[in-house]
Amino acid sequence: MEPAADLAVAAALISSESRQEIPAQACFFGEIGLTGEVRGVSFPELRVKEAVKLGFLQFFVPKANAKHLSSLNLKANQKIIYIESVEQLRKALTHERSKKPYVSERDI
């Protein structure tokens, strides 16, 4: 199993629990430790470059990989979000600052 998939799985679980969709253009990679820390992964620049080719615009990546991505040239509409912990990922995905209630089509 690819350890870098941990962050994507966590994002899916957070999305399901919070009932908030993940943007379709978001890409996630990073390994998660037992205490919830997000660890760096190998080849982060290649991973982002491939995701760009596939049309992704937001990249949630380990902060530990920031130095490897500093020379990466992204377009104005592309953004890297550095994540240190699962809690930080949860806050980023659920927009904790806004307390808008979730309403699904079934609730209407």
N, C-alpha and C. Protein backbone atom coordinates (compact mmCIF):
# COMPACT_ATOMS: atom_id res chain seq x y z
N MET A 1 0.84 -1.18 0.00
CA MET A 1 0.00 0.00 0.00
C MET A 1 0.89 1.25 0.00
N GLU A 2 0.46 2.25 -0.67
CA GLU A 2 1.18 3.52 -0.79
C GLU A 2 0.91 4.38 0.45
N PRO A 3 1.94 4.62 1.29
CA PRO A 3 1.73 5.44 2.50
C PRO A 3 1.26 6.86 2.18
N ALA A 4 1.61 7.37 1.02
CA ALA A 4 1.23 8.73 0.67
C ALA A 4 -0.28 8.88 0.48
N ALA A 5 -0.99 7.78 0.40
CA ALA A 5 -2.45 7.81 0.25
C ALA A 5 -3.16 8.10 1.57
N ASP A 6 -2.44 8.05 2.69
CA ASP A 6 -3.05 8.28 4.00
C ASP A 6 -3.83 9.59 4.07
N LEU A 7 -3.25 10.67 3.59
CA LEU A 7 -3.89 11.97 3.68
C LEU A 7 -5.18 12.02 2.87
N ALA A 8 -5.19 11.37 1.72
CA ALA A 8 -6.41 11.32 0.90
C ALA A 8 -7.52 10.54 1.60
N VAL A 9 -7.16 9.45 2.25
CA VAL A 9 -8.15 8.66 3.00
C VAL A 9 -8.69 9.49 4.16
N ALA A 10 -7.82 10.18 4.87
CA ALA A 10 -8.26 11.03 5.98
C ALA A 10 -9.19 12.13 5.47
N ALA A 11 -8.87 12.72 4.34
CA ALA A 11 -9.72 13.76 3.75
C ALA A 11 -11.11 13.20 3.43
N ALA A 12 -11.16 12.01 2.90
CA ALA A 12 -12.45 11.38 2.58
C ALA A 12 -13.27 11.12 3.85
N LEU A 13 -12.61 10.66 4.90
CA LEU A 13 -13.30 10.41 6.17
C LEU A 13 -13.81 11.72 6.79
N ILE A 14 -12.99 12.75 6.75
CA ILE A 14 -13.39 14.06 7.28
C ILE A 14 -14.58 14.60 6.49
N SER A 15 -14.52 14.46 5.19
CA SER A 15 -15.61 14.92 4.33
C SER A 15 -16.92 14.20 4.66
N SER A 16 -16.83 12.91 4.84
CA SER A 16 -18.01 12.11 5.16
C SER A 16 -18.58 12.49 6.53
N GLU A 17 -17.72 12.59 7.51
CA GLU A 17 -18.16 12.91 8.88
C GLU A 17 -18.75 14.31 8.98
N SER A 18 -18.15 15.28 8.29
CA SER A 18 -18.60 16.67 8.37
C SER A 18 -19.71 16.98 7.38
N ARG A 19 -19.93 16.05 6.47
CA ARG A 19 -20.94 16.23 5.41
C ARG A 19 -20.64 17.44 4.54
N GLN A 20 -19.35 17.66 4.28
CA GLN A 20 -18.92 18.73 3.39
C GLN A 20 -18.10 18.13 2.27
N GLU A 21 -18.44 18.52 1.07
CA GLU A 21 -17.74 17.98 -0.09
C GLU A 21 -16.31 18.50 -0.18
N ILE A 22 -15.46 17.65 -0.70
CA ILE A 22 -14.09 18.04 -1.03
C ILE A 22 -14.13 18.59 -2.46
N PRO A 23 -13.47 19.70 -2.71
CA PRO A 23 -13.44 20.22 -4.08
C PRO A 23 -12.88 19.17 -5.05
N ALA A 24 -13.50 19.05 -6.19
CA ALA A 24 -13.09 18.04 -7.18
C ALA A 24 -11.67 18.28 -7.69
N GLN A 25 -11.18 19.52 -7.60
CA GLN A 25 -9.84 19.83 -8.08
C GLN A 25 -8.78 19.72 -6.99
N ALA A 26 -9.14 19.12 -5.85
CA ALA A 26 -8.18 18.98 -4.74
C ALA A 26 -7.45 17.65 -4.81
N CYS A 27 -6.16 17.70 -4.53
CA CYS A 27 -5.30 16.53 -4.53
C CYS A 27 -4.64 16.43 -3.16
N PHE A 28 -4.52 15.21 -2.64
CA PHE A 28 -3.97 15.00 -1.30
C PHE A 28 -2.88 13.94 -1.36
N PHE A 29 -1.77 14.20 -0.69
CA PHE A 29 -0.80 13.13 -0.46
C PHE A 29 0.00 13.42 0.78
N GLY A 30 0.28 12.38 1.54
CA GLY A 30 1.05 12.48 2.77
C GLY A 30 0.81 11.26 3.62
N GLU A 31 1.78 10.93 4.42
CA GLU A 31 1.67 9.80 5.34
C GLU A 31 1.24 10.33 6.71
N ILE A 32 0.37 9.60 7.39
CA ILE A 32 -0.11 10.01 8.71
C ILE A 32 0.46 9.06 9.77
N GLY A 33 1.07 9.65 10.80
CA GLY A 33 1.62 8.88 11.91
C GLY A 33 0.53 8.56 12.93
N LEU A 34 0.88 7.76 13.91
CA LEU A 34 -0.08 7.31 14.92
C LEU A 34 -0.63 8.44 15.78
N THR A 35 0.10 9.53 15.91
CA THR A 35 -0.38 10.65 16.72
C THR A 35 -1.07 11.72 15.88
N GLY A 36 -1.27 11.45 14.60
CA GLY A 36 -1.97 12.39 13.72
C GLY A 36 -1.08 13.35 12.98
N GLU A 37 0.24 13.23 13.15
CA GLU A 37 1.15 14.11 12.41
C GLU A 37 1.21 13.65 10.95
N VAL A 38 1.38 14.62 10.07
CA VAL A 38 1.49 14.31 8.64
C VAL A 38 2.97 14.33 8.28
N ARG A 39 3.45 13.22 7.78
CA ARG A 39 4.86 13.06 7.44
C ARG A 39 5.10 13.29 5.95
N GLY A 40 6.28 13.76 5.66
CA GLY A 40 6.67 13.97 4.27
C GLY A 40 6.76 12.65 3.51
N VAL A 41 6.66 12.77 2.20
CA VAL A 41 6.73 11.59 1.33
C VAL A 41 7.79 11.82 0.26
N SER A 42 8.15 10.76 -0.41
CA SER A 42 9.15 10.86 -1.47
C SER A 42 8.54 11.43 -2.75
N PHE A 43 9.37 12.07 -3.52
CA PHE A 43 9.03 12.63 -4.84
C PHE A 43 7.83 13.59 -4.82
N PRO A 44 7.77 14.54 -3.89
CA PRO A 44 6.61 15.43 -3.85
C PRO A 44 6.47 16.30 -5.10
N GLU A 45 7.62 16.74 -5.67
CA GLU A 45 7.54 17.58 -6.86
C GLU A 45 6.95 16.82 -8.04
N LEU A 46 7.37 15.57 -8.22
CA LEU A 46 6.80 14.75 -9.30
C LEU A 46 5.32 14.51 -9.09
N ARG A 47 4.92 14.29 -7.86
CA ARG A 47 3.50 14.05 -7.55
C ARG A 47 2.65 15.27 -7.92
N VAL A 48 3.12 16.45 -7.54
CA VAL A 48 2.37 17.67 -7.86
C VAL A 48 2.35 17.90 -9.36
N LYS A 49 3.47 17.71 -10.03
CA LYS A 49 3.52 17.90 -11.49
C LYS A 49 2.55 16.98 -12.21
N GLU A 50 2.46 15.73 -11.77
CA GLU A 50 1.52 14.79 -12.39
C GLU A 50 0.08 15.20 -12.11
N ALA A 51 -0.17 15.66 -10.89
CA ALA A 51 -1.53 16.10 -10.53
C ALA A 51 -1.93 17.33 -11.36
N VAL A 52 -0.99 18.22 -11.63
CA VAL A 52 -1.26 19.39 -12.47
C VAL A 52 -1.68 18.92 -13.86
N LYS A 53 -0.96 17.92 -14.40
CA LYS A 53 -1.31 17.39 -15.73
C LYS A 53 -2.72 16.82 -15.76
N LEU A 54 -3.19 16.32 -14.62
CA LEU A 54 -4.53 15.74 -14.53
C LEU A 54 -5.61 16.78 -14.23
N GLY A 55 -5.21 18.04 -14.06
CA GLY A 55 -6.17 19.12 -13.88
C GLY A 55 -6.45 19.54 -12.45
N PHE A 56 -5.69 19.05 -11.50
CA PHE A 56 -5.89 19.46 -10.11
C PHE A 56 -5.39 20.87 -9.90
N LEU A 57 -6.04 21.61 -8.99
CA LEU A 57 -5.68 23.00 -8.73
C LEU A 57 -5.23 23.25 -7.30
N GLN A 58 -5.70 22.44 -6.35
CA GLN A 58 -5.31 22.57 -4.95
C GLN A 58 -4.54 21.32 -4.54
N PHE A 59 -3.46 21.54 -3.81
CA PHE A 59 -2.61 20.42 -3.42
C PHE A 59 -2.38 20.47 -1.91
N PHE A 60 -2.96 19.52 -1.20
CA PHE A 60 -2.78 19.40 0.25
C PHE A 60 -1.62 18.44 0.46
N VAL A 61 -0.50 18.98 0.92
CA VAL A 61 0.73 18.20 1.02
C VAL A 61 1.38 18.39 2.39
N PRO A 62 2.24 17.46 2.80
CA PRO A 62 2.93 17.60 4.08
C PRO A 62 3.81 18.85 4.14
N LYS A 63 3.76 19.54 5.26
CA LYS A 63 4.63 20.71 5.43
C LYS A 63 6.09 20.30 5.37
N ALA A 64 6.38 19.08 5.75
CA ALA A 64 7.76 18.57 5.70
C ALA A 64 8.31 18.56 4.28
N ASN A 65 7.44 18.60 3.29
CA ASN A 65 7.88 18.60 1.89
C ASN A 65 7.97 20.01 1.30
N ALA A 66 7.77 21.04 2.11
CA ALA A 66 7.76 22.43 1.61
C ALA A 66 9.07 22.79 0.91
N LYS A 67 10.19 22.40 1.49
CA LYS A 67 11.48 22.77 0.89
C LYS A 67 11.67 22.13 -0.49
N HIS A 68 11.07 20.98 -0.70
CA HIS A 68 11.19 20.29 -1.99
C HIS A 68 10.30 20.93 -3.06
N LEU A 69 9.30 21.68 -2.62
CA LEU A 69 8.35 22.27 -3.56
C LEU A 69 8.54 23.77 -3.74
N SER A 70 9.51 24.34 -3.06
CA SER A 70 9.71 25.80 -3.11
C SER A 70 10.06 26.31 -4.50
N SER A 71 10.69 25.51 -5.31
CA SER A 71 11.07 25.95 -6.66
C SER A 71 10.02 25.63 -7.72
N LEU A 72 8.93 25.03 -7.31
CA LEU A 72 7.87 24.66 -8.24
C LEU A 72 7.13 25.89 -8.73
N ASN A 73 6.96 26.01 -10.03
CA ASN A 73 6.24 27.15 -10.61
C ASN A 73 4.80 26.75 -10.87
N LEU A 74 3.89 27.35 -10.10
CA LEU A 74 2.47 27.08 -10.27
C LEU A 74 1.79 28.29 -10.86
N LYS A 75 0.67 28.07 -11.53
CA LYS A 75 -0.13 29.16 -12.08
C LYS A 75 -0.87 29.86 -10.95
N ALA A 76 -1.42 31.03 -11.24
CA ALA A 76 -2.12 31.83 -10.24
C ALA A 76 -3.31 31.09 -9.62
N ASN A 77 -3.97 30.22 -10.39
CA ASN A 77 -5.15 29.51 -9.88
C ASN A 77 -4.80 28.19 -9.19
N GLN A 78 -3.52 27.89 -9.07
CA GLN A 78 -3.08 26.66 -8.40
C GLN A 78 -2.48 27.02 -7.04
N LYS A 79 -2.77 26.19 -6.03
CA LYS A 79 -2.36 26.53 -4.67
C LYS A 79 -1.91 25.28 -3.92
N ILE A 80 -0.80 25.42 -3.20
CA ILE A 80 -0.32 24.35 -2.32
C ILE A 80 -0.71 24.73 -0.90
N ILE A 81 -1.35 23.80 -0.20
CA ILE A 81 -1.71 23.98 1.20
C ILE A 81 -0.88 23.00 2.00
N TYR A 82 -0.01 23.51 2.85
CA TYR A 82 0.88 22.65 3.64
C TYR A 82 0.17 22.22 4.92
N ILE A 83 0.19 20.92 5.19
CA ILE A 83 -0.52 20.33 6.32
C ILE A 83 0.47 19.66 7.26
N GLU A 84 0.31 19.94 8.57
CA GLU A 84 1.17 19.34 9.59
C GLU A 84 0.48 18.24 10.39
N SER A 85 -0.87 18.29 10.45
CA SER A 85 -1.59 17.32 11.28
C SER A 85 -2.97 17.05 10.71
N VAL A 86 -3.57 15.96 11.15
CA VAL A 86 -4.93 15.63 10.73
C VAL A 86 -5.91 16.71 11.20
N GLU A 87 -5.67 17.24 12.39
CA GLU A 87 -6.52 18.31 12.91
C GLU A 87 -6.47 19.54 12.00
N GLN A 88 -5.31 19.90 11.53
CA GLN A 88 -5.17 21.04 10.62
C GLN A 88 -5.90 20.74 9.30
N LEU A 89 -5.81 19.51 8.82
CA LEU A 89 -6.53 19.11 7.61
C LEU A 89 -8.03 19.24 7.83
N ARG A 90 -8.51 18.79 8.99
CA ARG A 90 -9.95 18.89 9.29
C ARG A 90 -10.41 20.34 9.26
N LYS A 91 -9.64 21.22 9.88
CA LYS A 91 -10.01 22.64 9.89
C LYS A 91 -10.01 23.22 8.49
N ALA A 92 -9.03 22.84 7.69
CA ALA A 92 -8.94 23.36 6.31
C ALA A 92 -10.11 22.88 5.46
N LEU A 93 -10.52 21.64 5.65
CA LEU A 93 -11.59 21.08 4.82
C LEU A 93 -12.99 21.47 5.27
N THR A 94 -13.15 21.66 6.55
CA THR A 94 -14.50 21.96 7.06
C THR A 94 -14.75 23.44 7.21
N HIS A 95 -13.76 24.25 6.86
CA HIS A 95 -13.91 25.70 6.96
C HIS A 95 -14.47 26.05 8.34
N GLU A 96 -13.75 25.60 9.36
CA GLU A 96 -14.22 25.71 10.73
C GLU A 96 -14.69 27.12 11.10
N ARG A 97 -14.14 28.12 10.42
CA ARG A 97 -14.54 29.49 10.76
C ARG A 97 -15.99 29.75 10.37
N SER A 98 -16.51 29.11 9.32
CA SER A 98 -17.90 29.31 8.94
C SER A 98 -18.73 28.15 9.48
N LYS A 99 -19.80 28.46 10.12
CA LYS A 99 -20.64 27.44 10.74
C LYS A 99 -21.92 27.22 9.92
N LYS A 100 -21.78 27.23 8.61
CA LYS A 100 -22.95 27.00 7.77
C LYS A 100 -23.43 25.56 7.94
N PRO A 101 -24.73 25.37 8.14
CA PRO A 101 -25.23 24.00 8.26
C PRO A 101 -25.23 23.29 6.91
N TYR A 102 -25.03 22.02 6.95
CA TYR A 102 -25.04 21.22 5.74
C TYR A 102 -26.49 20.87 5.39
N VAL A 103 -26.85 21.05 4.14
CA VAL A 103 -28.18 20.67 3.67
C VAL A 103 -27.99 19.82 2.42
N SER A 104 -28.45 18.59 2.49
CA SER A 104 -28.36 17.73 1.32
C SER A 104 -29.66 17.82 0.53
N GLU A 105 -29.64 17.31 -0.67
CA GLU A 105 -30.85 17.32 -1.50
C GLU A 105 -31.97 16.52 -0.86
N ARG A 106 -31.61 15.49 -0.09
CA ARG A 106 -32.63 14.67 0.58
C ARG A 106 -33.31 15.43 1.71
N ASP A 107 -32.62 16.42 2.31
CA ASP A 107 -33.19 17.18 3.41
C ASP A 107 -34.20 18.21 2.96
N ILE A 108 -34.21 18.53 1.67
CA ILE A 108 -35.09 19.59 1.15
C ILE A 108 -36.47 19.04 0.87
